[in-house]
Amino acid sequence: MLSASVKAAEPSKAEKQAQNTLKSISSELQSLKQDVVSLNNDLRLMEEKILFPSSTKYSVFLSLRTGKFLKLESVKLKLDGKFVSTHLYSNKQREALARGGIQKLHVTNLNEGKHSITAFFTGLDINGRPVKLAETVDFEKGPAGEYLEIAVVDNPATQEPMFKMKRWQ
């Protein structure tokens, strides 16, 4: 009787084989998941290269330097008279920008020639009053890809925010 209960507690050969098969399938599934993630990343990069060739690519980034005089709440971008991007900021995003982060606001294709971009900023000033500001830059796009950095900086003389737009080629 005792030997029968001990045998019942031990897994049978079929159960062991089923467990090993299950472990093998689980391992293969994890490997397939990693392959899918890798392929998805490769596809995303290929899609970006196809949709935004390096010769026509135009990217707009936002950075925040100090930011004592403006608590940034939102940014809207207007490119050649059309609104192309809007972003509302959370506290975590503002903190990341304040620590030196740079946000990609917009990526598009632009042909060579004259263009205009306007950035509209909303936020709160140092006293908690609402602030609405806009900055426009006219530029001529060359044959290569270009980048525009919009930097929100403090002007200590006026205790107001300023916006510097810097083109990178």
Protein backbone atom coordinates (compact mmCIF):
# COMPACT_ATOMS: atom_id res chain seq x y z
CA MET A 1 0.00 0.00 0.00
CA LEU A 2 2.76 2.40 0.90
CA SER A 3 4.62 1.80 -2.34
CA ALA A 4 1.45 2.52 -4.33
CA SER A 5 1.02 5.98 -2.71
CA VAL A 6 4.70 6.84 -3.34
CA LYS A 7 4.34 5.87 -6.99
CA ALA A 8 1.22 8.05 -7.28
CA ALA A 9 3.10 11.10 -5.95
CA GLU A 10 5.90 10.73 -8.51
CA PRO A 11 5.11 12.09 -12.00
CA SER A 12 4.76 9.44 -14.63
CA LYS A 13 7.04 9.17 -17.64
CA ALA A 14 4.31 10.67 -19.84
CA GLU A 15 3.88 13.63 -17.48
CA LYS A 16 7.64 14.30 -17.47
CA GLN A 17 7.69 14.15 -21.24
CA ALA A 18 4.72 16.57 -21.40
CA GLN A 19 6.47 19.00 -19.02
CA ASN A 20 9.65 18.88 -21.10
CA THR A 21 7.65 19.49 -24.27
CA LEU A 22 5.87 22.42 -22.62
CA LYS A 23 9.21 23.92 -21.51
CA SER A 24 10.57 23.51 -25.03
CA ILE A 25 7.52 25.19 -26.57
CA SER A 26 7.71 28.03 -24.03
CA SER A 27 11.38 28.58 -24.83
CA GLU A 28 10.69 28.60 -28.58
CA LEU A 29 7.80 31.03 -28.05
CA GLN A 30 10.07 33.45 -26.14
CA SER A 31 12.60 33.24 -28.95
CA LEU A 32 9.89 33.98 -31.52
CA LYS A 33 8.69 36.97 -29.47
CA GLN A 34 12.24 38.40 -29.47
CA ASP A 35 12.47 37.86 -33.23
CA VAL A 36 9.15 39.68 -33.77
CA VAL A 37 10.30 42.64 -31.66
CA SER A 38 13.56 42.81 -33.60
CA LEU A 39 11.75 42.59 -36.96
CA ASN A 40 9.29 45.27 -35.88
CA ASN A 41 12.17 47.61 -35.04
CA ASP A 42 13.82 46.91 -38.41
CA LEU A 43 10.53 47.56 -40.23
CA ARG A 44 10.03 50.85 -38.39
CA LEU A 45 13.51 52.02 -39.39
CA MET A 46 12.98 50.96 -43.01
CA GLU A 47 9.60 52.70 -43.08
CA GLU A 48 11.17 55.93 -41.81
CA LYS A 49 13.90 55.75 -44.48
CA ILE A 50 11.31 55.19 -47.20
CA LEU A 51 8.82 57.81 -46.01
CA PHE A 52 11.44 60.39 -45.08
CA PRO A 53 14.45 60.13 -47.41
CA SER A 54 17.51 61.89 -46.04
CA SER A 55 17.50 64.46 -48.85
CA THR A 56 13.97 65.75 -48.09
CA LYS A 57 13.76 65.02 -44.35
CA TYR A 58 13.06 67.97 -42.09
CA SER A 59 12.85 67.42 -38.33
CA VAL A 60 11.84 69.83 -35.57
CA PHE A 61 13.03 69.36 -31.98
CA LEU A 62 12.28 71.18 -28.72
CA SER A 63 14.68 71.74 -25.84
CA LEU A 64 14.24 73.58 -22.56
CA ARG A 65 17.10 75.48 -20.96
CA THR A 66 16.41 76.36 -17.32
CA GLY A 67 12.71 77.24 -17.77
CA LYS A 68 12.30 79.30 -14.60
CA PHE A 69 10.11 81.90 -16.31
CA LEU A 70 7.79 79.57 -18.23
CA LYS A 71 6.01 76.39 -17.20
CA LEU A 72 5.44 74.95 -20.67
CA GLU A 73 1.98 73.48 -21.17
CA SER A 74 1.69 73.06 -24.94
CA VAL A 75 3.33 73.65 -28.31
CA LYS A 76 1.73 73.88 -31.74
CA LEU A 77 3.70 73.91 -34.98
CA LYS A 78 2.60 75.54 -38.20
CA LEU A 79 4.65 74.77 -41.32
CA ASP A 80 3.98 76.74 -44.50
CA GLY A 81 0.60 77.88 -43.18
CA LYS A 82 -0.63 74.44 -42.04
CA PHE A 83 -0.78 73.15 -38.47
CA VAL A 84 1.33 69.99 -38.45
CA SER A 85 1.88 69.16 -34.79
CA THR A 86 0.42 69.76 -31.34
CA HIS A 87 1.75 68.53 -28.03
CA LEU A 88 0.51 68.88 -24.44
CA TYR A 89 3.12 68.40 -21.72
CA SER A 90 2.78 66.37 -18.55
CA ASN A 91 4.83 67.10 -15.44
CA LYS A 92 7.12 64.15 -16.21
CA GLN A 93 7.77 65.43 -19.73
CA ARG A 94 8.55 68.94 -18.43
CA GLU A 95 10.94 67.44 -15.86
CA ALA A 96 12.68 65.39 -18.57
CA LEU A 97 13.11 68.49 -20.74
CA ALA A 98 14.41 70.46 -17.74
CA ARG A 99 17.05 67.74 -17.18
CA GLY A 100 18.36 68.29 -20.72
CA GLY A 101 16.03 66.12 -22.77
CA ILE A 102 15.19 66.97 -26.35
CA GLN A 103 11.79 66.13 -27.83
CA LYS A 104 11.18 65.34 -31.49
CA LEU A 105 8.11 67.43 -32.31
CA HIS A 106 7.69 66.74 -36.00
CA VAL A 107 9.30 64.95 -38.95
CA THR A 108 8.26 65.62 -42.52
CA ASN A 109 9.42 65.77 -46.12
CA LEU A 110 10.20 69.22 -47.48
CA ASN A 111 11.26 70.13 -50.97
CA GLU A 112 14.08 72.57 -51.60
CA GLY A 113 13.05 76.20 -51.43
CA LYS A 114 11.62 78.83 -49.11
CA HIS A 115 9.53 77.78 -46.14
CA SER A 116 8.18 79.25 -42.91
CA ILE A 117 7.64 77.62 -39.54
CA THR A 118 5.81 79.09 -36.56
CA ALA A 119 5.81 77.66 -33.04
CA PHE A 120 3.00 78.64 -30.65
CA PHE A 121 3.70 78.19 -26.95
CA THR A 122 1.26 78.23 -24.04
CA GLY A 123 2.16 78.01 -20.39
CA LEU A 124 2.30 79.81 -17.09
CA ASP A 125 4.74 82.56 -16.12
CA ILE A 126 6.66 82.75 -12.84
CA ASN A 127 3.57 84.27 -11.12
CA GLY A 128 1.17 81.63 -12.46
CA ARG A 129 -0.38 83.89 -15.12
CA PRO A 130 -1.23 82.35 -18.52
CA VAL A 131 1.27 83.07 -21.30
CA LYS A 132 0.81 82.70 -25.05
CA LEU A 133 3.80 83.31 -27.29
CA ALA A 134 4.69 82.65 -30.90
CA GLU A 135 7.96 82.58 -32.82
CA THR A 136 8.34 82.41 -36.60
CA VAL A 137 11.38 81.67 -38.71
CA ASP A 138 11.63 81.82 -42.49
CA PHE A 139 14.23 79.55 -44.03
CA GLU A 140 15.39 78.10 -47.27
CA LYS A 141 15.60 74.32 -47.37
CA GLY A 142 18.66 73.00 -49.14
CA PRO A 143 19.20 69.69 -50.95
CA ALA A 144 20.10 67.75 -47.79
CA GLY A 145 18.10 66.84 -44.69
CA GLU A 146 17.82 69.56 -42.07
CA TYR A 147 16.93 69.91 -38.41
CA LEU A 148 15.46 72.78 -36.43
CA GLU A 149 15.92 73.07 -32.69
CA ILE A 150 13.51 75.31 -30.81
CA ALA A 151 15.12 76.15 -27.48
CA VAL A 152 13.08 77.71 -24.67
CA VAL A 153 15.52 79.85 -22.69
CA ASP A 154 15.21 82.34 -19.86
CA ASN A 155 15.98 86.02 -20.31
CA PRO A 156 17.19 87.15 -16.87
CA ALA A 157 17.09 90.82 -17.84
CA THR A 158 13.34 90.82 -18.53
CA GLN A 159 12.50 87.74 -16.45
CA GLU A 160 10.62 86.32 -19.40
CA PRO A 161 11.09 83.29 -21.61
CA MET A 162 12.76 83.60 -25.00
CA PHE A 163 12.80 81.21 -27.91
CA LYS A 164 15.86 80.52 -29.97
CA MET A 165 15.48 78.66 -33.24
CA LYS A 166 18.64 77.02 -34.49
CA ARG A 167 18.94 75.26 -37.83
CA TRP A 168 21.18 72.20 -38.09
CA GLN A 169 22.22 70.85 -41.44
